[in-house]
């Protein structure tokens, strides 16, 4: 892919030198000689990369950067100047500039920087293609781990079958998403997808919701009501948390699966339906069977095609892709422009044990996107238990049992690392004095 570069420099010789260098490297270049011309052009077309001088009349490089980022938040912006200061560089980076180059810029420097940029753009593009592909094919089910690829393969192979599917996994692993993915990948995708949460209704209402009822069938039956089976005719019925299905209804459900027909409550008329059933459970149904709480014959009828979803901590390679997916979604939902998480946050995510699985990750990203004022989410945008773990849990990288002195040393050194060696900030975070930190470092025989 040829990436497009807009060169903005009011020095004609520099402008021509940059264009020649970039074209020789294979980039598609366009050159203008002022910030005004650049802004006019940017309102007409988009560029992948902007290489702009800092000192220009009217619209300078910083002002152009602000306008360019408003028009195209993902544009890679590089500022050049012969009058560089640390303050200006910091300001440019905070506003979203990718890099800050001092003139004169050598050809090899430009080539090196642009190679880094194109690698980043390619990675960004590949991730977006993968995200869209997975979202289109599997209805927002995201992942690239071996475990998820196996799930995707299963979805593809069983989608058009009529066989019942049993999806198991801990809460928050995405069981309903998999059920929807199966439906929308199947030849039933234009027919209804109907859900019944067996744990959300009182026992006496589950039967009425499943099979419907005739007017006058019971006291509150003011009119005839179609049940979920009728509503799902031709499509898919998801029975969520099937383990909570009352025992007295399990035999009726088994009959519907076997005979594909049922009667509404209060009616003797048999209704035939064509429904594909998908069930989910976060319980061990074999234990429920042993305890007498679930029919074994129903289990085998439902478990024709078993799909198990492993917890997030067993497929952590999916985390970066999931994070970007959630950031994009919550940006759109809440009119935000968060770009990514910091490397420190990614490291936290990769070390965290995720008791709430993908749902917990989703909730954390939503909260951070909504509350943060930054384009890059940092540790300050997330709860402290990501770092320390829930109360009673061990710290990441700590092994229990261990001596109290060893744990204390670990906390002090990790906190110093977080604050780049700043003893005052580390002491405040730990609730101790700076002198204590100095004494501890001396005790550890570490240079103070």
Protein backbone atom coordinates (compact mmCIF):
# COMPACT_ATOMS: atom_id res chain seq x y z
CA UNK A 1 0.00 0.00 0.00
CA UNK A 2 1.31 3.48 -0.92
CA UNK A 3 0.75 5.86 1.98
CA UNK A 4 -0.05 9.50 1.20
CA UNK A 5 2.07 12.30 2.65
CA UNK A 6 1.31 16.02 2.75
CA UNK A 7 4.47 18.17 2.97
CA UNK A 8 3.95 21.67 4.39
CA UNK A 9 6.97 24.02 4.37
CA UNK A 10 7.29 27.62 3.21
CA UNK A 11 10.95 27.09 2.23
CA UNK A 12 10.87 26.03 -1.45
CA UNK A 13 14.23 24.22 -1.35
CA UNK A 14 13.33 22.27 1.79
CA UNK A 15 9.92 21.45 0.34
CA UNK A 16 11.37 20.07 -2.88
CA UNK A 17 14.05 18.11 -0.97
CA UNK A 18 11.40 16.46 1.23
CA UNK A 19 9.17 15.55 -1.71
CA UNK A 20 12.09 14.07 -3.66
CA UNK A 21 13.25 12.02 -0.65
CA UNK A 22 9.75 10.72 0.11
CA UNK A 23 8.95 9.85 -3.50
CA UNK A 24 12.21 7.95 -3.77
CA UNK A 25 11.06 5.93 -0.73
CA UNK A 26 7.79 5.09 -2.49
CA UNK A 27 5.39 7.54 -0.85
CA UNK A 28 2.61 9.37 -2.69
CA UNK A 29 3.41 13.05 -1.96
CA UNK A 30 1.61 16.35 -2.21
CA UNK A 31 3.34 19.64 -1.31
CA UNK A 32 2.03 23.05 -0.26
CA UNK A 33 3.89 26.16 0.96
CA UNK A 34 1.72 27.46 3.81
CA UNK A 35 -0.57 26.40 6.60
CA UNK A 36 -3.50 28.07 4.82
CA UNK A 37 -2.99 26.02 1.66
CA UNK A 38 -2.62 22.87 3.75
CA UNK A 39 -5.87 23.50 5.64
CA UNK A 40 -7.76 24.20 2.39
CA UNK A 41 -6.45 20.94 0.92
CA UNK A 42 -7.21 18.95 4.07
CA UNK A 43 -10.84 20.00 3.90
CA UNK A 44 -11.00 18.34 0.47
CA UNK A 45 -9.00 15.16 0.99
CA UNK A 46 -7.37 13.03 3.65
CA UNK A 47 -3.68 12.11 4.02
CA UNK A 48 -2.10 9.32 6.02
CA UNK A 49 0.87 11.44 7.13
CA UNK A 50 1.51 15.19 7.44
CA UNK A 51 5.09 16.50 7.55
CA UNK A 52 4.90 20.19 8.51
CA UNK A 53 7.23 23.03 9.43
CA UNK A 54 6.66 24.70 12.79
CA UNK A 55 7.41 28.35 11.89
CA UNK A 56 5.00 29.55 9.20
CA UNK A 57 3.05 32.78 8.80
CA UNK A 58 -0.64 33.01 9.75
CA UNK A 59 -1.23 29.30 10.41
CA UNK A 60 1.87 27.77 12.01
CA UNK A 61 2.63 24.07 12.51
CA UNK A 62 0.97 23.81 15.95
CA UNK A 63 -2.23 25.53 14.76
CA UNK A 64 -2.33 23.33 11.66
CA UNK A 65 -1.86 20.30 13.90
CA UNK A 66 -4.97 21.23 15.91
CA UNK A 67 -7.08 21.66 12.76
CA UNK A 68 -5.73 18.49 11.14
CA UNK A 69 -6.49 16.38 14.21
CA UNK A 70 -10.03 17.77 14.35
CA UNK A 71 -10.58 16.77 10.72
CA UNK A 72 -8.75 13.44 10.84
CA UNK A 73 -8.08 12.13 14.38
CA UNK A 74 -5.95 9.25 13.07
CA UNK A 75 -3.59 11.28 10.88
CA UNK A 76 0.11 10.89 11.71
CA UNK A 77 1.54 14.39 12.18
CA UNK A 78 5.28 15.15 12.25
CA UNK A 79 6.59 18.64 13.03
CA UNK A 80 9.95 20.00 11.79
CA UNK A 81 11.73 23.11 13.04
CA UNK A 82 15.10 24.77 13.23
CA UNK A 83 14.02 26.52 16.45
CA UNK A 84 13.27 23.56 18.67
CA UNK A 85 12.64 23.89 22.38
CA UNK A 86 11.62 21.27 24.91
CA UNK A 87 8.41 23.20 25.70
CA UNK A 88 7.35 23.31 22.05
CA UNK A 89 8.12 19.64 21.55
CA UNK A 90 6.10 18.67 24.63
CA UNK A 91 3.18 20.84 23.49
CA UNK A 92 3.22 19.25 20.01
CA UNK A 93 3.30 15.71 21.42
CA UNK A 94 0.47 16.49 23.86
CA UNK A 95 -1.63 17.76 20.95
CA UNK A 96 -1.11 14.47 19.16
CA UNK A 97 2.04 14.92 17.05
CA UNK A 98 3.83 11.65 16.35
CA UNK A 99 7.34 13.14 16.36
CA UNK A 100 9.29 16.41 16.47
CA UNK A 101 12.31 16.73 14.14
CA UNK A 102 15.08 19.32 14.20
CA UNK A 103 16.26 20.84 10.92
CA UNK A 104 18.25 20.19 8.88
CA UNK A 105 16.63 16.80 8.47
CA UNK A 106 18.80 14.16 6.83
CA UNK A 107 17.30 11.82 4.19
CA UNK A 108 18.11 8.74 6.30
CA UNK A 109 16.34 10.31 9.29
CA UNK A 110 13.18 10.90 7.25
CA UNK A 111 13.32 7.37 5.86
CA UNK A 112 13.79 5.89 9.33
CA UNK A 113 10.90 7.87 10.85
CA UNK A 114 8.55 7.14 7.96
CA UNK A 115 9.39 3.42 8.11
CA UNK A 116 8.30 3.43 11.76
CA UNK A 117 5.14 5.31 10.86
CA UNK A 118 4.18 2.94 8.04
CA UNK A 119 4.72 -0.09 10.28
CA UNK A 120 2.36 1.47 12.80
CA UNK A 121 -0.20 2.32 10.10
CA UNK A 122 -0.05 -1.21 8.71
CA UNK A 123 -0.57 -2.71 12.17
CA UNK A 124 -3.47 -0.32 12.78
CA UNK A 125 -5.00 -1.24 9.42
CA UNK A 126 -4.55 -4.98 9.99
CA UNK A 127 -6.22 -4.75 13.40
CA UNK A 128 -9.12 -2.74 11.98
CA UNK A 129 -9.61 -5.20 9.11
CA UNK A 130 -9.55 -8.09 11.56
CA UNK A 131 -11.96 -6.32 13.90
CA UNK A 132 -14.42 -5.52 11.09
CA UNK A 133 -14.11 -8.99 9.62
CA UNK A 134 -14.83 -10.64 12.95
CA UNK A 135 -17.63 -8.19 13.74
CA UNK A 136 -19.28 -8.82 10.36
CA UNK A 137 -18.87 -12.58 10.41
CA UNK A 138 -19.50 -13.22 14.08
CA UNK A 139 -21.73 -10.37 15.24
CA UNK A 140 -19.20 -8.45 17.35
CA UNK A 141 -17.49 -11.55 18.71
CA UNK A 142 -13.83 -10.53 18.99
CA UNK A 143 -10.63 -12.58 19.40
CA UNK A 144 -7.60 -14.01 17.64
CA UNK A 145 -6.38 -16.56 20.22
CA UNK A 146 -6.29 -20.26 19.45
CA UNK A 147 -9.31 -20.79 21.72
CA UNK A 148 -11.37 -18.17 19.90
CA UNK A 149 -10.32 -19.42 16.46
CA UNK A 150 -11.64 -22.83 17.47
CA UNK A 151 -14.93 -21.20 18.48
CA UNK A 152 -15.11 -19.33 15.15
CA UNK A 153 -14.48 -22.59 13.28
CA UNK A 154 -17.26 -24.29 15.23
CA UNK A 155 -19.67 -21.44 14.56
CA UNK A 156 -18.95 -21.63 10.84
CA UNK A 157 -19.33 -25.40 10.66
CA UNK A 158 -22.55 -25.70 12.72
CA UNK A 159 -24.34 -22.47 11.80
CA UNK A 160 -26.68 -23.93 9.18
CA UNK A 161 -27.45 -27.13 11.10
CA UNK A 162 -30.66 -27.50 13.03
CA UNK A 163 -28.97 -29.39 15.88
CA UNK A 164 -29.20 -27.94 19.38
CA UNK A 165 -26.14 -26.18 20.79
CA UNK A 166 -25.01 -26.01 24.41
CA UNK A 167 -22.69 -23.09 25.22
CA UNK A 168 -20.92 -23.28 28.57
CA UNK A 169 -18.50 -20.96 30.33
CA UNK A 170 -18.14 -18.64 33.30
CA UNK A 171 -20.19 -15.46 33.59
CA UNK A 172 -18.90 -12.71 31.32
CA UNK A 173 -17.21 -14.96 28.76
CA UNK A 174 -19.64 -14.02 25.97
CA UNK A 175 -22.05 -16.95 25.74
CA UNK A 176 -24.90 -14.86 24.38
CA UNK A 177 -22.58 -13.29 21.79
CA UNK A 178 -21.66 -16.76 20.55
CA UNK A 179 -25.34 -17.69 20.35
CA UNK A 180 -26.07 -14.56 18.31
CA UNK A 181 -23.04 -15.25 16.11
CA UNK A 182 -24.37 -18.74 15.33
CA UNK A 183 -27.78 -17.30 14.43
CA UNK A 184 -26.46 -14.46 12.24
CA UNK A 185 -24.00 -16.78 10.47
CA UNK A 186 -26.80 -19.22 9.65
CA UNK A 187 -29.48 -19.46 6.98
CA UNK A 188 -31.93 -18.34 9.71
CA UNK A 189 -30.29 -14.90 10.04
CA UNK A 190 -33.30 -13.10 8.51
CA UNK A 191 -35.68 -14.82 10.93
CA UNK A 192 -36.22 -13.97 14.63
CA UNK A 193 -33.59 -14.40 17.33
CA UNK A 194 -35.56 -14.75 20.57
CA UNK A 195 -34.10 -15.00 24.07
CA UNK A 196 -35.48 -16.27 27.37
CA UNK A 197 -33.42 -15.91 30.53
CA UNK A 198 -34.54 -18.84 32.65
CA UNK A 199 -33.02 -17.32 35.80
CA UNK A 200 -34.75 -13.95 35.45
CA UNK A 201 -38.37 -15.07 35.77
CA UNK A 202 -40.38 -16.54 38.66
CA UNK A 203 -40.96 -20.27 38.20
CA UNK A 204 -44.70 -19.84 37.55
CA UNK A 205 -44.05 -17.43 34.64
CA UNK A 206 -41.47 -19.46 32.73
CA UNK A 207 -44.04 -21.83 31.21
CA UNK A 208 -46.29 -18.97 30.09
CA UNK A 209 -43.33 -17.16 28.54
CA UNK A 210 -42.14 -20.27 26.71
CA UNK A 211 -45.40 -21.64 25.37
CA UNK A 212 -47.84 -18.72 25.55
CA UNK A 213 -51.43 -18.90 26.80
CA UNK A 214 -55.05 -18.48 25.75
CA UNK A 215 -57.29 -15.72 27.00
CA UNK A 216 -58.84 -16.80 30.30
CA UNK A 217 -56.33 -19.61 30.87
CA UNK A 218 -55.64 -18.11 34.31
CA UNK A 219 -56.72 -15.08 36.33
CA UNK A 220 -54.44 -12.50 34.71
CA UNK A 221 -54.74 -13.86 31.15
CA UNK A 222 -56.73 -10.93 29.73
CA UNK A 223 -55.83 -11.80 26.13
CA UNK A 224 -54.20 -14.56 24.11
CA UNK A 225 -50.42 -14.33 24.21
CA UNK A 226 -47.88 -16.03 21.97
CA UNK A 227 -44.88 -17.58 23.74
CA UNK A 228 -41.20 -17.49 22.83
CA UNK A 229 -41.40 -20.70 20.78
CA UNK A 230 -44.02 -19.18 18.49
CA UNK A 231 -42.15 -15.90 18.24
CA UNK A 232 -38.98 -17.77 17.27
CA UNK A 233 -40.63 -19.89 14.57
CA UNK A 234 -38.23 -20.15 11.63
CA UNK A 235 -35.41 -18.66 13.67
CA UNK A 236 -33.46 -19.30 16.86
CA UNK A 237 -34.50 -19.54 20.51
CA UNK A 238 -31.81 -18.87 23.11
CA UNK A 239 -32.51 -20.44 26.50
CA UNK A 240 -30.09 -18.53 28.70
CA UNK A 241 -28.99 -20.13 31.98
CA UNK A 242 -30.85 -23.36 31.22
CA UNK A 243 -29.74 -24.84 34.57
CA UNK A 244 -32.39 -22.64 36.24
CA UNK A 245 -35.24 -24.18 34.23
CA UNK A 246 -37.81 -25.58 36.73
CA UNK A 247 -37.78 -29.39 36.86
CA UNK A 248 -41.50 -29.65 36.05
CA UNK A 249 -40.93 -27.79 32.75
CA UNK A 250 -37.89 -29.75 31.67
CA UNK A 251 -39.99 -32.70 30.47
CA UNK A 252 -42.21 -30.34 28.43
CA UNK A 253 -39.14 -28.72 26.87
CA UNK A 254 -37.77 -32.16 26.02
CA UNK A 255 -41.02 -33.01 24.23
CA UNK A 256 -40.91 -29.80 22.15
CA UNK A 257 -37.32 -30.50 21.11
CA UNK A 258 -38.20 -34.07 20.11
CA UNK A 259 -41.57 -33.48 18.45
CA UNK A 260 -41.26 -29.81 17.35
CA UNK A 261 -44.76 -29.03 18.58
CA UNK A 262 -46.53 -27.81 21.73
CA UNK A 263 -49.79 -26.35 23.06
CA UNK A 264 -50.40 -22.98 24.63
CA UNK A 265 -51.55 -22.98 28.24
CA UNK A 266 -55.35 -23.34 28.24
CA UNK A 267 -55.50 -24.74 24.68
CA UNK A 268 -55.68 -28.24 23.19
CA UNK A 269 -54.58 -27.05 19.73
CA UNK A 270 -51.13 -28.31 18.78
CA UNK A 271 -48.78 -25.76 17.21
CA UNK A 272 -45.91 -26.97 15.03
CA UNK A 273 -42.72 -24.87 15.00
CA UNK A 274 -39.35 -24.88 13.30
CA UNK A 275 -36.99 -23.51 15.94
CA UNK A 276 -33.25 -23.96 16.40
CA UNK A 277 -32.51 -24.11 20.14
CA UNK A 278 -29.33 -22.81 21.72
CA UNK A 279 -28.87 -23.15 25.49
CA UNK A 280 -26.27 -21.58 27.76
CA UNK A 281 -25.08 -22.32 31.27
CA UNK A 282 -22.38 -21.15 33.66
CA UNK A 283 -23.01 -24.20 35.86
CA UNK A 284 -21.65 -27.73 35.74
CA UNK A 285 -24.79 -29.45 34.49
CA UNK A 286 -23.44 -32.94 35.20
CA UNK A 287 -23.27 -31.97 38.89
CA UNK A 288 -26.84 -30.67 38.63
CA UNK A 289 -27.88 -34.02 37.12
CA UNK A 290 -26.19 -35.93 39.98
CA UNK A 291 -27.97 -33.70 42.49
CA UNK A 292 -31.33 -34.41 40.82
CA UNK A 293 -31.83 -30.82 39.62
CA UNK A 294 -31.55 -31.42 35.88
CA UNK A 295 -32.84 -34.17 33.62
CA UNK A 296 -30.09 -36.26 32.07
CA UNK A 297 -32.12 -36.95 28.91
CA UNK A 298 -32.70 -33.20 28.40
CA UNK A 299 -28.99 -32.52 28.86
CA UNK A 300 -28.07 -34.94 26.08
CA UNK A 301 -30.74 -33.47 23.81
CA UNK A 302 -29.31 -29.98 24.34
CA UNK A 303 -25.65 -30.96 24.31
CA UNK A 304 -25.55 -32.23 20.71
CA UNK A 305 -23.03 -29.53 19.78
CA UNK A 306 -21.12 -28.40 22.88
CA UNK A 307 -19.15 -25.13 22.79
CA UNK A 308 -17.08 -24.16 25.82
CA UNK A 309 -15.78 -20.62 26.32
CA UNK A 310 -12.60 -20.39 28.37
CA UNK A 311 -12.04 -17.48 30.80
CA UNK A 312 -10.25 -14.34 29.65
CA UNK A 313 -7.18 -15.11 31.75
CA UNK A 314 -6.60 -18.17 29.51
CA UNK A 315 -6.70 -16.16 26.27
CA UNK A 316 -4.96 -12.91 27.18
CA UNK A 317 -3.65 -12.45 23.63
CA UNK A 318 -7.21 -11.32 22.80
CA UNK A 319 -7.02 -8.37 25.21
CA UNK A 320 -5.43 -5.75 22.85
CA UNK A 321 -8.00 -6.44 20.14
CA UNK A 322 -10.88 -6.40 22.63
CA UNK A 323 -9.64 -3.12 24.12
CA UNK A 324 -9.56 -1.37 20.74
CA UNK A 325 -12.99 -2.77 19.87
CA UNK A 326 -14.49 -1.46 23.12
CA UNK A 327 -12.75 1.93 22.84
CA UNK A 328 -14.15 2.42 19.34
CA UNK A 329 -17.64 1.37 20.39
CA UNK A 330 -17.79 3.56 23.49
CA UNK A 331 -16.27 6.50 21.61
CA UNK A 332 -19.18 6.27 19.16
CA UNK A 333 -21.77 5.77 21.91
CA UNK A 334 -20.55 8.67 24.05
CA UNK A 335 -19.08 11.10 21.49
CA UNK A 336 -15.54 10.66 22.83
CA UNK A 337 -12.20 10.52 21.01
CA UNK A 338 -10.03 8.20 23.11
CA UNK A 339 -7.34 6.61 20.94
CA UNK A 340 -5.82 3.81 22.98
CA UNK A 341 -4.57 2.60 26.36
CA UNK A 342 -1.01 3.27 27.52
CA UNK A 343 1.60 0.51 27.55
CA UNK A 344 1.51 0.56 31.37
CA UNK A 345 -2.22 -0.14 31.34
CA UNK A 346 -1.77 -2.91 28.78
CA UNK A 347 0.82 -4.51 31.07
CA UNK A 348 -1.63 -4.27 33.97
CA UNK A 349 -4.34 -5.89 31.87
CA UNK A 350 -2.01 -8.71 30.83
CA UNK A 351 -1.10 -9.43 34.50
CA UNK A 352 -4.62 -9.10 35.93
CA UNK A 353 -6.63 -12.29 36.62
CA UNK A 354 -10.01 -11.04 35.23
CA UNK A 355 -12.59 -12.66 37.55
CA UNK A 356 -15.36 -10.96 35.55
CA UNK A 357 -13.93 -12.02 32.18
CA UNK A 358 -14.69 -10.05 28.99
CA UNK A 359 -17.66 -8.30 30.60
CA UNK A 360 -15.37 -6.88 33.30
CA UNK A 361 -12.93 -5.62 30.66
CA UNK A 362 -15.82 -4.08 28.73
CA UNK A 363 -17.14 -2.28 31.81
CA UNK A 364 -13.68 -0.95 32.74
CA UNK A 365 -13.12 0.44 29.24
CA UNK A 366 -16.58 2.02 29.12
CA UNK A 367 -16.04 3.78 32.45
CA UNK A 368 -12.57 4.98 31.44
CA UNK A 369 -13.69 6.26 28.03
CA UNK A 370 -16.61 8.17 29.56
CA UNK A 371 -14.68 9.71 32.47
CA UNK A 372 -11.20 10.34 31.05
CA UNK A 373 -10.19 13.70 29.60
CA UNK A 374 -7.20 12.21 27.79
CA UNK A 375 -6.80 10.60 24.38
CA UNK A 376 -4.58 7.89 25.89
CA UNK A 377 -6.02 6.01 28.88
CA UNK A 378 -3.50 5.71 31.74
CA UNK A 379 -3.41 3.87 35.07
CA UNK A 380 -5.14 6.87 36.68
CA UNK A 381 -8.25 6.12 34.59
CA UNK A 382 -8.72 2.66 36.13
CA UNK A 383 -9.50 1.32 39.63
CA UNK A 384 -6.58 0.58 41.92
CA UNK A 385 -7.57 -3.08 42.30
CA UNK A 386 -6.20 -3.62 38.81
CA UNK A 387 -2.79 -2.96 40.32
CA UNK A 388 -3.26 -4.48 43.77
CA UNK A 389 -5.94 -7.06 42.99
CA UNK A 390 -9.09 -7.51 45.13
CA UNK A 391 -8.70 -7.39 48.90
CA UNK A 392 -7.24 -10.67 50.08
CA UNK A 393 -5.60 -11.55 46.76
CA UNK A 394 -1.85 -11.60 46.24
CA UNK A 395 -0.12 -8.91 44.25
CA UNK A 396 0.95 -9.66 40.67
CA UNK A 397 4.42 -11.25 40.69
CA UNK A 398 4.22 -11.93 44.44
CA UNK A 399 4.27 -15.48 45.72
CA UNK A 400 2.59 -16.52 48.92
CA UNK A 401 3.97 -17.36 51.43
CA UNK A 402 6.77 -14.81 51.53
CA UNK A 403 8.39 -12.77 54.27
CA UNK A 404 6.85 -9.41 55.15
CA UNK A 405 10.18 -7.69 54.46
CA UNK A 406 10.23 -9.10 50.93
CA UNK A 407 6.69 -7.88 50.24
CA UNK A 408 7.55 -4.45 51.63
CA UNK A 409 10.63 -4.25 49.40
CA UNK A 410 8.59 -5.26 46.36
CA UNK A 411 5.96 -2.56 47.02
CA UNK A 412 8.52 0.18 47.57
CA UNK A 413 10.57 -0.65 44.47
CA UNK A 414 7.47 -1.06 42.27
CA UNK A 415 6.07 2.25 43.46
CA UNK A 416 9.39 3.99 42.79
CA UNK A 417 9.37 2.44 39.33
CA UNK A 418 5.85 3.76 38.69
CA UNK A 419 6.93 7.31 39.61
CA UNK A 420 10.23 7.11 37.70
CA UNK A 421 12.31 7.16 40.89
CA UNK A 422 10.56 10.20 42.40
CA UNK A 423 10.82 9.46 46.13
CA UNK A 424 8.42 12.22 47.19
CA UNK A 425 5.58 10.93 44.97
CA UNK A 426 6.31 7.32 45.90
CA UNK A 427 6.25 8.19 49.61
CA UNK A 428 2.88 9.97 49.22
CA UNK A 429 1.42 6.99 47.35
CA UNK A 430 2.66 4.55 50.01
CA UNK A 431 1.66 6.75 52.95
CA UNK A 432 5.18 6.89 54.37
CA UNK A 433 7.88 9.56 54.59
CA UNK A 434 10.62 10.21 52.07
CA UNK A 435 13.14 9.51 54.83
CA UNK A 436 11.66 6.03 55.27
CA UNK A 437 12.16 5.32 51.58
CA UNK A 438 15.77 6.54 51.77
CA UNK A 439 16.41 4.36 54.81
CA UNK A 440 14.87 1.35 53.09
CA UNK A 441 17.00 1.87 49.96
CA UNK A 442 20.08 2.05 52.16
CA UNK A 443 18.95 -1.13 53.88
CA UNK A 444 18.56 -2.81 50.47
CA UNK A 445 22.09 -1.55 49.64
CA UNK A 446 20.75 0.28 46.61
CA UNK A 447 22.26 3.55 45.43
CA UNK A 448 20.37 6.55 46.77
